[in-house]
Amino acid sequence: MNFKLRKLFLFLLFTLNFSPYTLWTGTGKSGASFLKISPGARPVGMGGAYTAISNDINCLYYNPAGMRNMNQTVIGAMHTEWIAGMNYEFAGGIIPSKLGPWGLSAIYLNTGEMEGRSADREATGNFTANDVAVSLSHVRQFRTDVYFGTSLKIIRQTIADESAEGVAIDIGFGFSVLGDRKPSTHNLSPITHALDLGLAIRNIGPKMKFIEEQFSLPITITAGAGYNIVDPFKVALDVSYEPIDDKKSVRLGTEFVPFGFLSLRAGYLIKAIETIYSGSINDNSTSLESKGLSGGIGFNIYGYNLDYAIVPYRELGTTHRVSFQAKF
């Protein structure tokens, strides 16, 4: 399979999930799978275990309840060199208010220009494909040390002249089990807790329609926990379930802050994104990120954060994420 054909195949696989297996057998597979690509170099460096400890700009994706302690304006962006030459971007901002913090974010996946082919392999001209989702988020205190966050999401997917639109909501809860309160080093919130718990349900919404095919959004339910073993060392655990695709995953992450300006991270992901990318197109058993390691590093200087993460994707290559964040 040449690079251009593989690039198109992978785009259709991860953003629409329209495979011969799905359409022929009628299994309840979700679409809009770009919504499952994890943004943010810091959380990705920790294996994506971020639901309970989301307390920076990345909470707009992982758990909107993570905005709960933000009392300053925060902006951030991420660039990802994703598989097969695709680019994946994230940008967002959070503004505090008397009613609680508000956040606005966007994710964008672009394949670049590709060569079109008809069923008989004749050239039909070049085309582009991209996905975008824009979210408005808010958080309120539900009760003491319990916070409730929501995000309203507008989704659009485009391939050549065809497109699909949809809406969804994310909901998240944040719980703080108080231990010794200590000053935060990397984090934007002024206080860290010995134990944090979180719950997030993402992509709740009606089916989208692409041409004549309808597909469900990739609903994901994630429960997480984060614990500061000692002041500079944090561990996190996420357990996720995708009810439509019937997929489960476990994510483990660690963050070590030996100095106030430096963070070292490592993560481990068990059976996350399943794909039919294998020798047989009708084989849906291959797991792209099964038992996958990730790692990263971060720098915090005068309220500015620069983070980097690396994740190997087997035969598809290695992805690199770079994130920038600032508070005012």
Protein backbone atom coordinates (compact mmCIF):
# COMPACT_ATOMS: atom_id res chain seq x y z
CA MET A 1 0.00 0.00 0.00
CA ASN A 2 1.64 3.27 -1.08
CA PHE A 3 1.85 6.25 1.25
CA LYS A 4 -1.07 8.22 -0.24
CA LEU A 5 -3.44 5.27 -0.21
CA ARG A 6 -2.43 4.33 3.32
CA LYS A 7 -2.93 7.95 4.39
CA LEU A 8 -6.47 8.02 3.01
CA PHE A 9 -7.25 4.62 4.50
CA LEU A 10 -6.06 5.68 7.94
CA PHE A 11 -8.00 8.93 7.79
CA LEU A 12 -11.23 7.17 6.97
CA LEU A 13 -10.51 4.61 9.66
CA PHE A 14 -9.84 6.98 12.51
CA THR A 15 -12.23 9.82 11.66
CA LEU A 16 -15.26 8.06 10.20
CA ASN A 17 -14.72 4.39 10.99
CA PHE A 18 -16.42 3.52 7.69
CA SER A 19 -14.77 0.20 6.97
CA PRO A 20 -16.13 -2.70 4.90
CA TYR A 21 -16.32 -4.63 8.16
CA THR A 22 -18.55 -2.00 9.77
CA LEU A 23 -20.88 -1.47 6.80
CA TRP A 24 -21.28 -5.09 5.83
CA THR A 25 -21.88 -6.58 9.25
CA GLY A 26 -23.93 -3.72 10.67
CA THR A 27 -22.05 -3.79 13.97
CA GLY A 28 -22.62 -0.77 16.19
CA LYS A 29 -19.32 0.95 15.56
CA SER A 30 -19.02 4.65 16.28
CA GLY A 31 -17.70 7.29 13.93
CA ALA A 32 -16.00 10.68 14.41
CA SER A 33 -13.08 8.83 15.98
CA PHE A 34 -10.87 11.91 15.81
CA LEU A 35 -12.68 12.88 19.03
CA LYS A 36 -10.76 10.06 20.74
CA ILE A 37 -7.29 11.36 19.84
CA SER A 38 -5.77 12.69 23.07
CA PRO A 39 -4.48 16.28 22.96
CA GLY A 40 -1.96 17.92 25.26
CA ALA A 41 1.68 16.93 25.64
CA ARG A 42 1.48 16.77 29.43
CA PRO A 43 -1.43 14.28 29.68
CA VAL A 44 -0.22 12.25 26.70
CA GLY A 45 3.22 11.95 28.30
CA MET A 46 1.38 10.41 31.28
CA GLY A 47 -0.36 7.86 29.09
CA GLY A 48 -3.59 9.90 28.97
CA ALA A 49 -4.33 9.25 32.67
CA TYR A 50 -5.66 12.75 33.29
CA THR A 51 -9.35 12.64 34.25
CA ALA A 52 -8.80 13.21 37.98
CA ILE A 53 -5.78 15.52 37.83
CA SER A 54 -6.91 17.79 34.96
CA ASN A 55 -6.02 21.25 36.22
CA ASP A 56 -4.62 23.10 33.22
CA ILE A 57 -5.79 24.00 29.70
CA ASN A 58 -6.07 20.31 28.79
CA CYS A 59 -9.04 19.85 31.13
CA LEU A 60 -11.20 21.35 28.37
CA TYR A 61 -10.84 17.97 26.63
CA TYR A 62 -10.34 15.47 29.47
CA ASN A 63 -12.66 16.77 32.19
CA PRO A 64 -14.20 20.28 32.25
CA ALA A 65 -14.52 20.03 36.04
CA GLY A 66 -10.75 20.49 36.12
CA MET A 67 -11.29 24.25 35.70
CA ARG A 68 -12.52 24.42 39.28
CA ASN A 69 -9.46 26.05 40.88
CA MET A 70 -8.48 28.36 38.05
CA ASN A 71 -8.56 32.00 39.08
CA GLN A 72 -6.40 33.38 36.26
CA THR A 73 -6.81 33.63 32.51
CA VAL A 74 -5.13 30.68 30.77
CA ILE A 75 -4.37 30.13 27.10
CA GLY A 76 -2.71 27.17 25.43
CA ALA A 77 -2.09 25.38 22.16
CA MET A 78 -0.71 22.07 20.91
CA HIS A 79 0.71 20.79 17.63
CA THR A 80 0.95 17.07 16.84
CA GLU A 81 2.80 15.35 14.03
CA TRP A 82 0.38 12.46 13.90
CA ILE A 83 0.51 9.19 11.91
CA ALA A 84 0.86 9.08 8.11
CA GLY A 85 1.80 12.74 7.83
CA MET A 86 -1.45 14.06 9.35
CA ASN A 87 -1.50 17.09 11.63
CA TYR A 88 -3.58 17.35 14.78
CA GLU A 89 -4.03 20.68 16.56
CA PHE A 90 -5.56 21.88 19.82
CA ALA A 91 -6.08 25.42 21.13
CA GLY A 92 -8.05 26.82 24.03
CA GLY A 93 -8.51 29.49 26.64
CA ILE A 94 -10.06 29.75 30.12
CA ILE A 95 -11.41 32.93 31.73
CA PRO A 96 -12.48 33.12 35.41
CA SER A 97 -15.78 34.79 36.35
CA LYS A 98 -18.06 35.25 39.35
CA LEU A 99 -20.18 32.39 38.04
CA GLY A 100 -17.18 30.10 37.69
CA PRO A 101 -14.53 29.68 34.96
CA TRP A 102 -15.51 29.54 31.27
CA GLY A 103 -13.48 27.79 28.61
CA LEU A 104 -13.36 27.76 24.81
CA SER A 105 -11.38 25.18 22.83
CA ALA A 106 -11.03 23.62 19.40
CA ILE A 107 -9.44 20.45 18.00
CA TYR A 108 -8.55 20.05 14.34
CA LEU A 109 -7.31 17.09 12.30
CA ASN A 110 -6.03 17.67 8.75
CA THR A 111 -4.82 15.06 6.28
CA GLY A 112 -3.39 17.49 3.76
CA GLU A 113 -3.93 17.07 0.03
CA MET A 114 -4.54 13.54 -1.27
CA GLU A 115 -4.88 12.00 -4.70
CA GLY A 116 -8.40 10.82 -5.51
CA ARG A 117 -9.10 7.53 -7.34
CA SER A 118 -12.31 6.07 -8.73
CA ALA A 119 -13.42 2.46 -8.25
CA ASP A 120 -11.52 1.48 -11.43
CA ARG A 121 -8.36 3.24 -10.17
CA GLU A 122 -8.67 6.21 -12.51
CA ALA A 123 -7.38 9.55 -11.18
CA THR A 124 -10.21 11.89 -10.17
CA GLY A 125 -8.15 14.85 -8.94
CA ASN A 126 -6.77 15.83 -5.57
CA PHE A 127 -8.90 16.53 -2.52
CA THR A 128 -8.54 17.38 1.17
CA ALA A 129 -10.18 16.03 4.32
CA ASN A 130 -10.39 17.48 7.80
CA ASP A 131 -12.26 17.28 11.10
CA VAL A 132 -12.97 20.03 13.61
CA ALA A 133 -14.75 20.28 16.96
CA VAL A 134 -15.32 23.51 18.92
CA SER A 135 -16.34 23.38 22.60
CA LEU A 136 -17.69 25.89 25.13
CA SER A 137 -17.10 24.75 28.73
CA HIS A 138 -18.19 25.84 32.20
CA VAL A 139 -17.76 24.57 35.76
CA ARG A 140 -19.72 25.15 38.97
CA GLN A 141 -19.28 23.99 42.53
CA PHE A 142 -21.85 21.27 43.27
CA ARG A 143 -21.07 20.90 46.96
CA THR A 144 -17.99 21.17 49.16
CA ASP A 145 -15.02 19.79 47.21
CA VAL A 146 -17.31 18.44 44.46
CA TYR A 147 -17.40 20.25 41.12
CA PHE A 148 -19.50 19.73 38.01
CA GLY A 149 -18.30 20.75 34.54
CA THR A 150 -20.02 20.70 31.16
CA SER A 151 -18.97 21.31 27.55
CA LEU A 152 -21.15 21.96 24.52
CA LYS A 153 -19.43 20.70 21.38
CA ILE A 154 -20.07 21.46 17.69
CA ILE A 155 -18.55 18.91 15.28
CA ARG A 156 -17.89 19.03 11.54
CA GLN A 157 -16.19 16.45 9.31
CA THR A 158 -15.33 17.11 5.66
CA ILE A 159 -14.03 14.88 2.86
CA ALA A 160 -13.75 16.65 -0.50
CA ASP A 161 -17.21 18.18 -1.14
CA GLU A 162 -19.05 16.04 1.39
CA SER A 163 -19.48 16.93 5.06
CA ALA A 164 -21.27 15.89 8.24
CA GLU A 165 -22.25 18.05 11.21
CA GLY A 166 -23.18 17.16 14.76
CA VAL A 167 -23.46 18.37 18.34
CA ALA A 168 -22.47 16.73 21.62
CA ILE A 169 -21.95 17.46 25.27
CA ASP A 170 -19.30 16.40 27.75
CA ILE A 171 -19.92 16.23 31.48
CA GLY A 172 -17.38 15.84 34.23
CA PHE A 173 -17.08 15.66 37.99
CA GLY A 174 -14.11 16.45 40.18
CA PHE A 175 -13.75 15.28 43.77
CA SER A 176 -11.00 16.31 46.17
CA VAL A 177 -10.14 14.05 49.09
CA LEU A 178 -8.12 16.43 51.21
CA GLY A 179 -4.67 15.54 52.43
CA ASP A 180 -1.82 17.88 53.21
CA ARG A 181 -2.23 21.07 51.19
CA LYS A 182 1.01 21.93 49.44
CA PRO A 183 2.05 24.57 46.93
CA SER A 184 1.80 23.42 43.32
CA THR A 185 4.92 23.39 41.17
CA HIS A 186 3.90 22.66 37.57
CA ASN A 187 0.14 22.99 37.98
CA LEU A 188 -1.83 26.18 37.42
CA SER A 189 -4.04 25.75 40.49
CA PRO A 190 -2.49 27.14 43.69
CA ILE A 191 -3.34 24.06 45.81
CA THR A 192 -2.78 20.35 45.25
CA HIS A 193 -4.47 17.56 47.17
CA ALA A 194 -3.16 14.20 48.32
CA LEU A 195 -5.93 12.37 46.44
CA ASP A 196 -8.13 13.53 43.55
CA LEU A 197 -10.95 11.59 41.91
CA GLY A 198 -12.67 12.33 38.61
CA LEU A 199 -15.42 11.10 36.33
CA ALA A 200 -16.00 12.24 32.73
CA ILE A 201 -18.50 11.24 30.05
CA ARG A 202 -17.56 12.59 26.62
CA ASN A 203 -19.36 12.86 23.26
CA ILE A 204 -22.98 12.45 24.32
CA GLY A 205 -25.13 13.37 21.35
CA PRO A 206 -27.31 12.30 18.42
CA LYS A 207 -26.00 10.38 15.44
CA MET A 208 -24.22 12.19 12.63
CA LYS A 209 -24.97 11.54 8.96
CA PHE A 210 -22.32 11.36 6.25
CA ILE A 211 -23.89 11.12 2.77
CA GLU A 212 -26.47 8.35 3.42
CA GLU A 213 -24.75 6.62 6.35
CA GLN A 214 -25.56 7.45 9.96
CA PHE A 215 -23.08 6.77 12.73
CA SER A 216 -23.00 7.22 16.48
CA LEU A 217 -20.55 9.45 18.30
CA PRO A 218 -17.77 7.72 20.28
CA ILE A 219 -19.21 8.02 23.79
CA THR A 220 -16.49 7.45 26.37
CA ILE A 221 -16.95 7.00 30.13
CA THR A 222 -13.79 7.46 32.19
CA ALA A 223 -13.14 7.23 35.91
CA GLY A 224 -9.81 8.39 37.25
CA ALA A 225 -7.72 8.87 40.36
CA GLY A 226 -4.55 10.81 41.09
CA TYR A 227 -2.35 10.62 44.16
CA ASN A 228 0.71 12.55 45.35
CA ILE A 229 2.91 9.88 46.90
CA VAL A 230 5.44 12.49 47.97
CA ASP A 231 5.60 16.17 47.08
CA PRO A 232 7.44 15.87 43.73
CA PHE A 233 5.98 12.50 42.61
CA LYS A 234 2.43 11.94 41.35
CA VAL A 235 0.71 8.84 39.98
CA ALA A 236 -2.57 8.68 38.06
CA LEU A 237 -4.94 5.97 36.87
CA ASP A 238 -7.78 6.13 34.31
CA VAL A 239 -10.21 3.35 33.44
CA SER A 240 -12.34 3.96 30.33
CA TYR A 241 -15.24 2.25 28.62
CA GLU A 242 -16.71 2.96 25.17
CA PRO A 243 -20.23 1.46 25.26
CA ILE A 244 -20.96 1.71 21.53
CA ASP A 245 -17.70 0.10 20.44
CA ASP A 246 -17.56 -2.10 23.57
CA LYS A 247 -13.91 -1.17 24.22
CA LYS A 248 -12.15 -0.87 27.54
CA SER A 249 -8.81 0.69 28.37
CA VAL A 250 -6.59 1.28 31.37
CA ARG A 251 -4.12 4.15 31.49
CA LEU A 252 -1.35 4.61 34.03
CA GLY A 253 0.71 7.75 34.37
CA THR A 254 3.46 9.24 36.51
CA GLU A 255 4.91 12.71 36.86
CA PHE A 256 8.12 13.54 38.72
CA VAL A 257 9.08 17.16 39.40
CA PRO A 258 12.70 17.11 40.63
CA PHE A 259 12.92 20.89 40.31
CA GLY A 260 10.20 23.54 40.18
CA PHE A 261 10.89 24.26 36.51
CA LEU A 262 11.28 20.65 35.24
CA SER A 263 8.78 17.76 34.98
CA LEU A 264 9.48 14.21 33.81
CA ARG A 265 6.60 11.97 32.75
CA ALA A 266 5.92 8.40 31.71
CA GLY A 267 2.73 6.53 30.89
CA TYR A 268 1.41 3.12 29.97
CA LEU A 269 -1.70 2.38 27.92
CA ILE A 270 -3.39 -1.02 27.79
CA LYS A 271 -5.67 -1.82 24.83
CA ALA A 272 -7.04 1.56 23.83
CA ILE A 273 -7.73 2.35 20.16
CA GLU A 274 -8.65 -0.86 18.32
CA THR A 275 -8.30 -0.79 14.56
CA ILE A 276 -8.63 -3.01 11.53
CA TYR A 277 -5.16 -1.94 10.36
CA SER A 278 -3.83 -5.45 9.85
CA GLY A 279 -3.15 -8.01 7.17
CA SER A 280 -6.85 -8.61 6.64
CA ILE A 281 -9.27 -5.70 6.27
CA ASN A 282 -11.99 -7.78 7.89
CA ASP A 283 -9.93 -8.42 11.02
CA ASN A 284 -11.08 -6.12 13.80
CA SER A 285 -8.96 -7.63 16.55
CA THR A 286 -5.73 -5.68 16.18
CA SER A 287 -5.12 -3.07 18.88
CA LEU A 288 -3.12 -0.10 17.68
CA GLU A 289 -1.97 1.11 21.10
CA SER A 290 -2.11 -2.15 23.04
CA LYS A 291 0.49 -2.16 25.82
CA GLY A 292 1.94 1.12 24.61
CA LEU A 293 4.44 3.30 26.45
CA SER A 294 4.64 7.06 26.27
CA GLY A 295 6.92 9.66 27.78
CA GLY A 296 7.42 13.37 28.04
CA ILE A 297 9.15 16.35 29.58
CA GLY A 298 7.93 19.77 30.64
CA PHE A 299 9.41 23.16 31.54
CA ASN A 300 7.71 25.76 33.72
CA ILE A 301 9.29 29.23 33.73
CA TYR A 302 7.52 32.28 35.16
CA GLY A 303 4.04 30.94 34.47
CA TYR A 304 4.84 29.71 30.96
CA ASN A 305 4.75 25.97 30.29
CA LEU A 306 6.39 24.16 27.39
CA ASP A 307 5.69 20.41 27.19
CA TYR A 308 6.74 17.60 24.85
CA ALA A 309 5.47 14.02 24.54
CA ILE A 310 6.36 11.06 22.35
CA VAL A 311 4.16 8.02 21.60
CA PRO A 312 5.15 5.10 19.32
CA TYR A 313 2.43 3.63 17.08
CA ARG A 314 4.10 0.44 15.95
CA GLU A 315 4.31 0.15 12.14
CA LEU A 316 2.58 3.51 11.70
CA GLY A 317 5.48 5.43 13.17
CA THR A 318 6.02 7.69 16.17
CA THR A 319 3.92 10.72 17.07
CA HIS A 320 5.26 13.89 18.66
CA ARG A 321 3.24 16.47 20.60
CA VAL A 322 4.39 19.95 21.59
CA SER A 323 2.24 22.11 23.86
CA PHE A 324 2.51 25.70 25.08
CA GLN A 325 0.55 27.24 27.93
CA ALA A 326 0.52 30.61 29.67
CA LYS A 327 -1.43 32.21 32.50
CA PHE A 328 -2.09 35.90 33.10
